[in-house]
PDB file of all heavy atoms in Angstrom:
ATOM      1  N   VAL A   1       0.836  -1.201   0.000  1.00  0.00           N
ATOM      2  CA  VAL A   1       0.000   0.000   0.000  1.00  0.00           C
ATOM      3  C   VAL A   1       0.871   1.251   0.000  1.00  0.00           C
ATOM      4  O   VAL A   1       0.592   2.231  -0.700  1.00  0.00           O
ATOM      5  CB  VAL A   1      -0.961   0.001   1.205  1.00  0.00           C
ATOM      6  CG1 VAL A   1      -1.759   1.302   1.260  1.00  0.00           C
ATOM      7  CG2 VAL A   1      -1.919  -1.190   1.136  1.00  0.00           C
ATOM      8  N   ARG A   2       1.954   1.218   0.766  1.00  0.00           N
ATOM      9  CA  ARG A   2       2.838   2.382   0.823  1.00  0.00           C
ATOM     10  C   ARG A   2       3.475   2.655  -0.547  1.00  0.00           C
ATOM     11  O   ARG A   2       3.452   3.786  -1.047  1.00  0.00           O
ATOM     12  CB  ARG A   2       3.932   2.158   1.862  1.00  0.00           C
ATOM     13  CG  ARG A   2       4.954   3.313   1.940  1.00  0.00           C
ATOM     14  CD  ARG A   2       6.032   3.063   2.959  1.00  0.00           C
ATOM     15  NE  ARG A   2       5.496   3.184   4.314  1.00  0.00           N
ATOM     16  CZ  ARG A   2       5.279   2.176   5.132  1.00  0.00           C
ATOM     17  NH1 ARG A   2       5.541   0.927   4.731  1.00  0.00           N
ATOM     18  NH2 ARG A   2       4.782   2.370   6.340  1.00  0.00           N
ATOM     19  N   ALA A   3       4.039   1.608  -1.164  1.00  0.00           N
ATOM     20  CA  ALA A   3       4.776   1.790  -2.411  1.00  0.00           C
ATOM     21  C   ALA A   3       3.850   2.098  -3.581  1.00  0.00           C
ATOM     22  O   ALA A   3       4.190   2.897  -4.469  1.00  0.00           O
ATOM     23  CB  ALA A   3       5.610   0.550  -2.708  1.00  0.00           C
ATOM     24  N   GLN A   4       2.666   1.462  -3.611  1.00  0.00           N
ATOM     25  CA  GLN A   4       1.808   1.555  -4.791  1.00  0.00           C
ATOM     26  C   GLN A   4       0.739   2.632  -4.689  1.00  0.00           C
ATOM     27  O   GLN A   4       0.189   3.050  -5.709  1.00  0.00           O
ATOM     28  CB  GLN A   4       1.138   0.193  -5.037  1.00  0.00           C
ATOM     29  CG  GLN A   4       2.124  -0.915  -5.339  1.00  0.00           C
ATOM     30  CD  GLN A   4       1.466  -2.282  -5.396  1.00  0.00           C
ATOM     31  OE1 GLN A   4       0.295  -2.405  -5.739  1.00  0.00           O
ATOM     32  NE2 GLN A   4       2.213  -3.331  -5.055  1.00  0.00           N
ATOM     33  N   VAL A   5       0.443   3.102  -3.472  1.00  0.00           N
ATOM     34  CA  VAL A   5      -0.633   4.081  -3.311  1.00  0.00           C
ATOM     35  C   VAL A   5      -0.139   5.350  -2.606  1.00  0.00           C
ATOM     36  O   VAL A   5      -0.284   6.458  -3.117  1.00  0.00           O
ATOM     37  CB  VAL A   5      -1.828   3.478  -2.534  1.00  0.00           C
ATOM     38  CG1 VAL A   5      -2.992   4.464  -2.522  1.00  0.00           C
ATOM     39  CG2 VAL A   5      -2.261   2.149  -3.129  1.00  0.00           C
ATOM     40  N   ALA A   6       0.463   5.177  -1.426  1.00  0.00           N
ATOM     41  CA  ALA A   6       0.849   6.345  -0.627  1.00  0.00           C
ATOM     42  C   ALA A   6       1.937   7.175  -1.298  1.00  0.00           C
ATOM     43  O   ALA A   6       1.824   8.411  -1.398  1.00  0.00           O
ATOM     44  CB  ALA A   6       1.298   5.889   0.766  1.00  0.00           C
ATOM     45  N   GLU A   7       3.001   6.527  -1.754  1.00  0.00           N
ATOM     46  CA  GLU A   7       4.104   7.277  -2.350  1.00  0.00           C
ATOM     47  C   GLU A   7       3.709   7.984  -3.645  1.00  0.00           C
ATOM     48  O   GLU A   7       4.062   9.159  -3.836  1.00  0.00           O
ATOM     49  CB  GLU A   7       5.302   6.353  -2.556  1.00  0.00           C
ATOM     50  CG  GLU A   7       5.941   5.919  -1.230  1.00  0.00           C
ATOM     51  CD  GLU A   7       7.128   4.987  -1.424  1.00  0.00           C
ATOM     52  OE1 GLU A   7       7.460   4.685  -2.602  1.00  0.00           O
ATOM     53  OE2 GLU A   7       7.722   4.558  -0.421  1.00  0.00           O
ATOM     54  N   PRO A   8       2.982   7.348  -4.573  1.00  0.00           N
ATOM     55  CA  PRO A   8       2.546   8.094  -5.762  1.00  0.00           C
ATOM     56  C   PRO A   8       1.675   9.300  -5.427  1.00  0.00           C
ATOM     57  O   PRO A   8       1.712  10.307  -6.137  1.00  0.00           O
ATOM     58  CB  PRO A   8       1.762   7.045  -6.563  1.00  0.00           C
ATOM     59  CG  PRO A   8       2.328   5.736  -6.142  1.00  0.00           C
ATOM     60  CD  PRO A   8       2.658   5.909  -4.680  1.00  0.00           C
ATOM     61  N   LEU A   9       0.883   9.205  -4.352  1.00  0.00           N
ATOM     62  CA  LEU A   9       0.024  10.327  -3.959  1.00  0.00           C
ATOM     63  C   LEU A   9       0.756  11.330  -3.072  1.00  0.00           C
ATOM     64  O   LEU A   9       0.262  12.448  -2.848  1.00  0.00           O
ATOM     65  CB  LEU A   9      -1.211   9.799  -3.213  1.00  0.00           C
ATOM     66  CG  LEU A   9      -2.231   9.005  -4.040  1.00  0.00           C
ATOM     67  CD1 LEU A   9      -3.295   8.408  -3.140  1.00  0.00           C
ATOM     68  CD2 LEU A   9      -2.874   9.890  -5.113  1.00  0.00           C
ATOM     69  N   GLY A  10       1.884  10.907  -2.507  1.00  0.00           N
ATOM     70  CA  GLY A  10       2.634  11.793  -1.622  1.00  0.00           C
ATOM     71  C   GLY A  10       1.937  12.050  -0.306  1.00  0.00           C
ATOM     72  O   GLY A  10       2.004  13.155   0.236  1.00  0.00           O
ATOM     73  N   ILE A  11       1.270  11.021   0.232  1.00  0.00           N
ATOM     74  CA  ILE A  11       0.532  11.184   1.492  1.00  0.00           C
ATOM     75  C   ILE A  11       0.890  10.059   2.449  1.00  0.00           C
ATOM     76  O   ILE A  11       1.586   9.099   2.092  1.00  0.00           O
ATOM     77  CB  ILE A  11      -1.001  11.213   1.269  1.00  0.00           C
ATOM     78  CG1 ILE A  11      -1.491   9.911   0.623  1.00  0.00           C
ATOM     79  CG2 ILE A  11      -1.393  12.407   0.404  1.00  0.00           C
ATOM     80  CD1 ILE A  11      -2.996   9.840   0.443  1.00  0.00           C
ATOM     81  N   ASP A  12       0.385  10.165   3.686  1.00  0.00           N
ATOM     82  CA  ASP A  12       0.625   9.179   4.728  1.00  0.00           C
ATOM     83  C   ASP A  12       0.008   7.828   4.346  1.00  0.00           C
ATOM     84  O   ASP A  12      -0.986   7.754   3.613  1.00  0.00           O
ATOM     85  CB  ASP A  12       0.006   9.691   6.035  1.00  0.00           C
ATOM     86  CG  ASP A  12       0.117   8.678   7.160  1.00  0.00           C
ATOM     87  OD1 ASP A  12       1.212   8.550   7.711  1.00  0.00           O
ATOM     88  OD2 ASP A  12      -0.909   8.014   7.453  1.00  0.00           O
ATOM     89  N   LEU A  13       0.610   6.738   4.869  1.00  0.00           N
ATOM     90  CA  LEU A  13       0.154   5.377   4.569  1.00  0.00           C
ATOM     91  C   LEU A  13      -1.315   5.181   4.902  1.00  0.00           C
ATOM     92  O   LEU A  13      -2.096   4.689   4.083  1.00  0.00           O
ATOM     93  CB  LEU A  13       1.009   4.367   5.349  1.00  0.00           C
ATOM     94  CG  LEU A  13       0.548   2.902   5.312  1.00  0.00           C
ATOM     95  CD1 LEU A  13       0.607   2.359   3.896  1.00  0.00           C
ATOM     96  CD2 LEU A  13       1.403   2.049   6.263  1.00  0.00           C
ATOM     97  N   ARG A  14      -1.724   5.572   6.110  1.00  0.00           N
ATOM     98  CA  ARG A  14      -3.119   5.355   6.511  1.00  0.00           C
ATOM     99  C   ARG A  14      -4.079   6.201   5.683  1.00  0.00           C
ATOM    100  O   ARG A  14      -5.174   5.753   5.331  1.00  0.00           O
ATOM    101  CB  ARG A  14      -3.294   5.644   8.000  1.00  0.00           C
ATOM    102  CG  ARG A  14      -2.745   4.536   8.915  1.00  0.00           C
ATOM    103  CD  ARG A  14      -3.033   4.842  10.357  1.00  0.00           C
ATOM    104  NE  ARG A  14      -2.727   3.719  11.228  1.00  0.00           N
ATOM    105  CZ  ARG A  14      -1.986   3.819  12.325  1.00  0.00           C
ATOM    106  NH1 ARG A  14      -1.491   5.005  12.696  1.00  0.00           N
ATOM    107  NH2 ARG A  14      -1.754   2.757  13.072  1.00  0.00           N
ATOM    108  N   ASP A  15      -3.685   7.437   5.363  1.00  0.00           N
ATOM    109  CA  ASP A  15      -4.554   8.279   4.537  1.00  0.00           C
ATOM    110  C   ASP A  15      -4.717   7.677   3.144  1.00  0.00           C
ATOM    111  O   ASP A  15      -5.798   7.756   2.539  1.00  0.00           O
ATOM    112  CB  ASP A  15      -3.987   9.693   4.438  1.00  0.00           C
ATOM    113  CG  ASP A  15      -4.206  10.503   5.706  1.00  0.00           C
ATOM    114  OD1 ASP A  15      -5.249  10.296   6.358  1.00  0.00           O
ATOM    115  OD2 ASP A  15      -3.343  11.327   6.039  1.00  0.00           O
ATOM    116  N   ALA A  16      -3.647   7.075   2.624  1.00  0.00           N
ATOM    117  CA  ALA A  16      -3.731   6.436   1.309  1.00  0.00           C
ATOM    118  C   ALA A  16      -4.695   5.250   1.356  1.00  0.00           C
ATOM    119  O   ALA A  16      -5.531   5.070   0.456  1.00  0.00           O
ATOM    120  CB  ALA A  16      -2.350   5.983   0.867  1.00  0.00           C
ATOM    121  N   ALA A  17      -4.582   4.425   2.398  1.00  0.00           N
ATOM    122  CA  ALA A  17      -5.479   3.274   2.535  1.00  0.00           C
ATOM    123  C   ALA A  17      -6.925   3.731   2.700  1.00  0.00           C
ATOM    124  O   ALA A  17      -7.850   3.151   2.105  1.00  0.00           O
ATOM    125  CB  ALA A  17      -5.053   2.419   3.728  1.00  0.00           C
ATOM    126  N   TYR A  18      -7.134   4.787   3.506  1.00  0.00           N
ATOM    127  CA  TYR A  18      -8.492   5.293   3.707  1.00  0.00           C
ATOM    128  C   TYR A  18      -9.046   5.875   2.404  1.00  0.00           C
ATOM    129  O   TYR A  18     -10.242   5.735   2.113  1.00  0.00           O
ATOM    130  CB  TYR A  18      -8.501   6.360   4.806  1.00  0.00           C
ATOM    131  CG  TYR A  18      -9.888   6.739   5.256  1.00  0.00           C
ATOM    132  CD1 TYR A  18     -10.592   5.925   6.132  1.00  0.00           C
ATOM    133  CD2 TYR A  18     -10.503   7.901   4.798  1.00  0.00           C
ATOM    134  CE1 TYR A  18     -11.875   6.247   6.546  1.00  0.00           C
ATOM    135  CE2 TYR A  18     -11.781   8.241   5.207  1.00  0.00           C
ATOM    136  CZ  TYR A  18     -12.469   7.404   6.077  1.00  0.00           C
ATOM    137  OH  TYR A  18     -13.742   7.727   6.475  1.00  0.00           O
ATOM    138  N   GLY A  19      -8.181   6.493   1.613  1.00  0.00           N
ATOM    139  CA  GLY A  19      -8.623   7.007   0.321  1.00  0.00           C
ATOM    140  C   GLY A  19      -9.103   5.897  -0.598  1.00  0.00           C
ATOM    141  O   GLY A  19     -10.111   6.047  -1.304  1.00  0.00           O
ATOM    142  N   ALA A  20      -8.388   4.750  -0.601  1.00  0.00           N
ATOM    143  CA  ALA A  20      -8.813   3.623  -1.427  1.00  0.00           C
ATOM    144  C   ALA A  20     -10.170   3.092  -0.977  1.00  0.00           C
ATOM    145  O   ALA A  20     -11.044   2.783  -1.799  1.00  0.00           O
ATOM    146  CB  ALA A  20      -7.761   2.518  -1.371  1.00  0.00           C
ATOM    147  N   VAL A  21     -10.365   3.002   0.343  1.00  0.00           N
ATOM    148  CA  VAL A  21     -11.657   2.544   0.865  1.00  0.00           C
ATOM    149  C   VAL A  21     -12.761   3.532   0.487  1.00  0.00           C
ATOM    150  O   VAL A  21     -13.867   3.134   0.104  1.00  0.00           O
ATOM    151  CB  VAL A  21     -11.586   2.355   2.393  1.00  0.00           C
ATOM    152  CG1 VAL A  21     -12.979   2.070   2.967  1.00  0.00           C
ATOM    153  CG2 VAL A  21     -10.634   1.222   2.742  1.00  0.00           C
ATOM    154  N   THR A  22     -12.468   4.831   0.542  1.00  0.00           N
ATOM    155  CA  THR A  22     -13.457   5.858   0.184  1.00  0.00           C
ATOM    156  C   THR A  22     -13.873   5.725  -1.275  1.00  0.00           C
ATOM    157  O   THR A  22     -15.061   5.858  -1.611  1.00  0.00           O
ATOM    158  CB  THR A  22     -12.878   7.261   0.436  1.00  0.00           C
ATOM    159  OG1 THR A  22     -12.524   7.379   1.821  1.00  0.00           O
ATOM    160  CG2 THR A  22     -13.893   8.341   0.096  1.00  0.00           C
ATOM    161  N   VAL A  23     -12.904   5.448  -2.160  1.00  0.00           N
ATOM    162  CA  VAL A  23     -13.225   5.251  -3.581  1.00  0.00           C
ATOM    163  C   VAL A  23     -14.118   4.028  -3.756  1.00  0.00           C
ATOM    164  O   VAL A  23     -15.111   4.062  -4.503  1.00  0.00           O
ATOM    165  CB  VAL A  23     -11.931   5.105  -4.404  1.00  0.00           C
ATOM    166  CG1 VAL A  23     -12.249   4.655  -5.832  1.00  0.00           C
ATOM    167  CG2 VAL A  23     -11.165   6.421  -4.435  1.00  0.00           C
ATOM    168  N   ALA A  24     -13.781   2.931  -3.072  1.00  0.00           N
ATOM    169  CA  ALA A  24     -14.591   1.716  -3.180  1.00  0.00           C
ATOM    170  C   ALA A  24     -16.008   1.948  -2.659  1.00  0.00           C
ATOM    171  O   ALA A  24     -16.989   1.485  -3.259  1.00  0.00           O
ATOM    172  CB  ALA A  24     -13.924   0.576  -2.404  1.00  0.00           C
ATOM    173  N   VAL A  25     -16.133   2.673  -1.552  1.00  0.00           N
ATOM    174  CA  VAL A  25     -17.457   2.978  -0.998  1.00  0.00           C
ATOM    175  C   VAL A  25     -18.266   3.812  -1.986  1.00  0.00           C
ATOM    176  O   VAL A  25     -19.472   3.580  -2.177  1.00  0.00           O
ATOM    177  CB  VAL A  25     -17.318   3.695   0.358  1.00  0.00           C
ATOM    178  CG1 VAL A  25     -18.650   4.310   0.794  1.00  0.00           C
ATOM    179  CG2 VAL A  25     -16.823   2.728   1.428  1.00  0.00           C
ATOM    180  N   ALA A  26     -17.621   4.773  -2.645  1.00  0.00           N
ATOM    181  CA  ALA A  26     -18.327   5.594  -3.635  1.00  0.00           C
ATOM    182  C   ALA A  26     -18.860   4.732  -4.774  1.00  0.00           C
ATOM    183  O   ALA A  26     -19.977   4.951  -5.274  1.00  0.00           O
ATOM    184  CB  ALA A  26     -17.392   6.672  -4.171  1.00  0.00           C
ATOM    185  N   ASN A  27     -18.070   3.732  -5.199  1.00  0.00           N
ATOM    186  CA  ASN A  27     -18.544   2.820  -6.248  1.00  0.00           C
ATOM    187  C   ASN A  27     -19.771   2.047  -5.789  1.00  0.00           C
ATOM    188  O   ASN A  27     -20.729   1.857  -6.548  1.00  0.00           O
ATOM    189  CB  ASN A  27     -17.431   1.836  -6.618  1.00  0.00           C
ATOM    190  CG  ASN A  27     -16.291   2.484  -7.359  1.00  0.00           C
ATOM    191  OD1 ASN A  27     -16.461   3.545  -7.969  1.00  0.00           O
ATOM    192  ND2 ASN A  27     -15.121   1.865  -7.322  1.00  0.00           N
ATOM    193  N   MET A  28     -19.751   1.605  -4.524  1.00  0.00           N
ATOM    194  CA  MET A  28     -20.875   0.826  -4.019  1.00  0.00           C
ATOM    195  C   MET A  28     -22.101   1.691  -3.755  1.00  0.00           C
ATOM    196  O   MET A  28     -23.237   1.223  -3.888  1.00  0.00           O
ATOM    197  CB  MET A  28     -20.444   0.059  -2.772  1.00  0.00           C
ATOM    198  CG  MET A  28     -19.530  -1.115  -3.108  1.00  0.00           C
ATOM    199  SD  MET A  28     -18.961  -2.038  -1.668  1.00  0.00           S
ATOM    200  CE  MET A  28     -17.535  -1.072  -1.205  1.00  0.00           C
ATOM    201  N   VAL A  29     -21.892   2.951  -3.407  1.00  0.00           N
ATOM    202  CA  VAL A  29     -23.016   3.887  -3.287  1.00  0.00           C
ATOM    203  C   VAL A  29     -23.727   4.006  -4.626  1.00  0.00           C
ATOM    204  O   VAL A  29     -24.961   4.027  -4.706  1.00  0.00           O
ATOM    205  CB  VAL A  29     -22.523   5.260  -2.791  1.00  0.00           C
ATOM    206  CG1 VAL A  29     -23.598   6.327  -3.002  1.00  0.00           C
ATOM    207  CG2 VAL A  29     -22.144   5.188  -1.319  1.00  0.00           C
ATOM    208  N   ARG A  30     -22.944   4.064  -5.692  1.00  0.00           N
ATOM    209  CA  ARG A  30     -23.540   4.132  -7.038  1.00  0.00           C
ATOM    210  C   ARG A  30     -24.356   2.883  -7.337  1.00  0.00           C
ATOM    211  O   ARG A  30     -25.428   2.956  -7.957  1.00  0.00           O
ATOM    212  CB  ARG A  30     -22.424   4.311  -8.075  1.00  0.00           C
ATOM    213  CG  ARG A  30     -22.917   4.481  -9.497  1.00  0.00           C
ATOM    214  CD  ARG A  30     -21.780   4.974 -10.394  1.00  0.00           C
ATOM    215  NE  ARG A  30     -20.618   4.087 -10.327  1.00  0.00           N
ATOM    216  CZ  ARG A  30     -20.442   3.052 -11.148  1.00  0.00           C
ATOM    217  NH1 ARG A  30     -21.352   2.762 -12.060  1.00  0.00           N
ATOM    218  NH2 ARG A  30     -19.361   2.298 -11.052  1.00  0.00           N
ATOM    219  N   ALA A  31     -23.867   1.720  -6.893  1.00  0.00           N
ATOM    220  CA  ALA A  31     -24.614   0.482  -7.104  1.00  0.00           C
ATOM    221  C   ALA A  31     -25.932   0.499  -6.339  1.00  0.00           C
ATOM    222  O   ALA A  31     -26.967   0.046  -6.839  1.00  0.00           O
ATOM    223  CB  ALA A  31     -23.764  -0.717  -6.678  1.00  0.00           C
ATOM    224  N   VAL A  32     -25.919   1.008  -5.105  1.00  0.00           N
ATOM    225  CA  VAL A  32     -27.161   1.108  -4.327  1.00  0.00           C
ATOM    226  C   VAL A  32     -28.130   2.066  -5.005  1.00  0.00           C
ATOM    227  O   VAL A  32     -29.344   1.809  -5.079  1.00  0.00           O
ATOM    228  CB  VAL A  32     -26.863   1.557  -2.884  1.00  0.00           C
ATOM    229  CG1 VAL A  32     -28.164   1.823  -2.130  1.00  0.00           C
ATOM    230  CG2 VAL A  32     -26.042   0.505  -2.151  1.00  0.00           C
ATOM    231  N   LYS A  33     -27.620   3.173  -5.515  1.00  0.00           N
ATOM    232  CA  LYS A  33     -28.488   4.128  -6.213  1.00  0.00           C
ATOM    233  C   LYS A  33     -29.119   3.499  -7.457  1.00  0.00           C
ATOM    234  O   LYS A  33     -30.252   3.838  -7.820  1.00  0.00           O
ATOM    235  CB  LYS A  33     -27.688   5.369  -6.607  1.00  0.00           C
ATOM    236  CG  LYS A  33     -27.351   6.298  -5.450  1.00  0.00           C
ATOM    237  CD  LYS A  33     -26.615   7.532  -5.949  1.00  0.00           C
ATOM    238  CE  LYS A  33     -26.356   8.528  -4.821  1.00  0.00           C
ATOM    239  NZ  LYS A  33     -25.633   9.727  -5.310  1.00  0.00           N
ATOM    240  N   SER A  34     -28.397   2.600  -8.104  1.00  0.00           N
ATOM    241  CA  SER A  34     -28.925   2.009  -9.337  1.00  0.00           C
ATOM    242  C   SER A  34     -30.171   1.172  -9.086  1.00  0.00           C
ATOM    243  O   SER A  34     -30.957   0.949 -10.005  1.00  0.00           O
ATOM    244  CB  SER A  34     -27.849   1.160 -10.024  1.00  0.00           C
ATOM    245  OG  SER A  34     -27.630  -0.048  -9.329  1.00  0.00           O
ATOM    246  N   VAL A  35     -30.355   0.683  -7.850  1.00  0.00           N
ATOM    247  CA  VAL A  35     -31.568  -0.083  -7.546  1.00  0.00           C
ATOM    248  C   VAL A  35     -32.561   0.732  -6.731  1.00  0.00           C
ATOM    249  O   VAL A  35     -33.630   0.228  -6.379  1.00  0.00           O
ATOM    250  CB  VAL A  35     -31.240  -1.399  -6.802  1.00  0.00           C
ATOM    251  CG1 VAL A  35     -30.359  -2.295  -7.647  1.00  0.00           C
ATOM    252  CG2 VAL A  35     -30.600  -1.134  -5.445  1.00  0.00           C
ATOM    253  N   SER A  36     -32.239   1.982  -6.416  1.00  0.00           N
ATOM    254  CA  SER A  36     -33.139   2.797  -5.590  1.00  0.00           C
ATOM    255  C   SER A  36     -33.433   4.143  -6.252  1.00  0.00           C
ATOM    256  O   SER A  36     -34.434   4.278  -6.960  1.00  0.00           O
ATOM    257  CB  SER A  36     -32.545   2.990  -4.193  1.00  0.00           C
ATOM    258  OG  SER A  36     -31.245   3.567  -4.254  1.00  0.00           O
ATOM    259  N   THR A  37     -32.575   5.128  -6.069  1.00  0.00           N
ATOM    260  CA  THR A  37     -32.881   6.470  -6.573  1.00  0.00           C
ATOM    261  C   THR A  37     -33.053   6.498  -8.083  1.00  0.00           C
ATOM    262  O   THR A  37     -33.870   7.258  -8.599  1.00  0.00           O
ATOM    263  CB  THR A  37     -31.780   7.466  -6.160  1.00  0.00           C
ATOM    264  OG1 THR A  37     -30.516   6.995  -6.613  1.00  0.00           O
ATOM    265  CG2 THR A  37     -31.743   7.633  -4.662  1.00  0.00           C
TER     266      THR A  37
END
């Protein structure tokens, strides 16, 4: 995670991991919207 995500973004390891989770959650929010809103 550090080498492939944090360093390219120039941010802390945990912030990089949290950013990846945030992106995945946004994708799943879109999936929920596709069956609701």
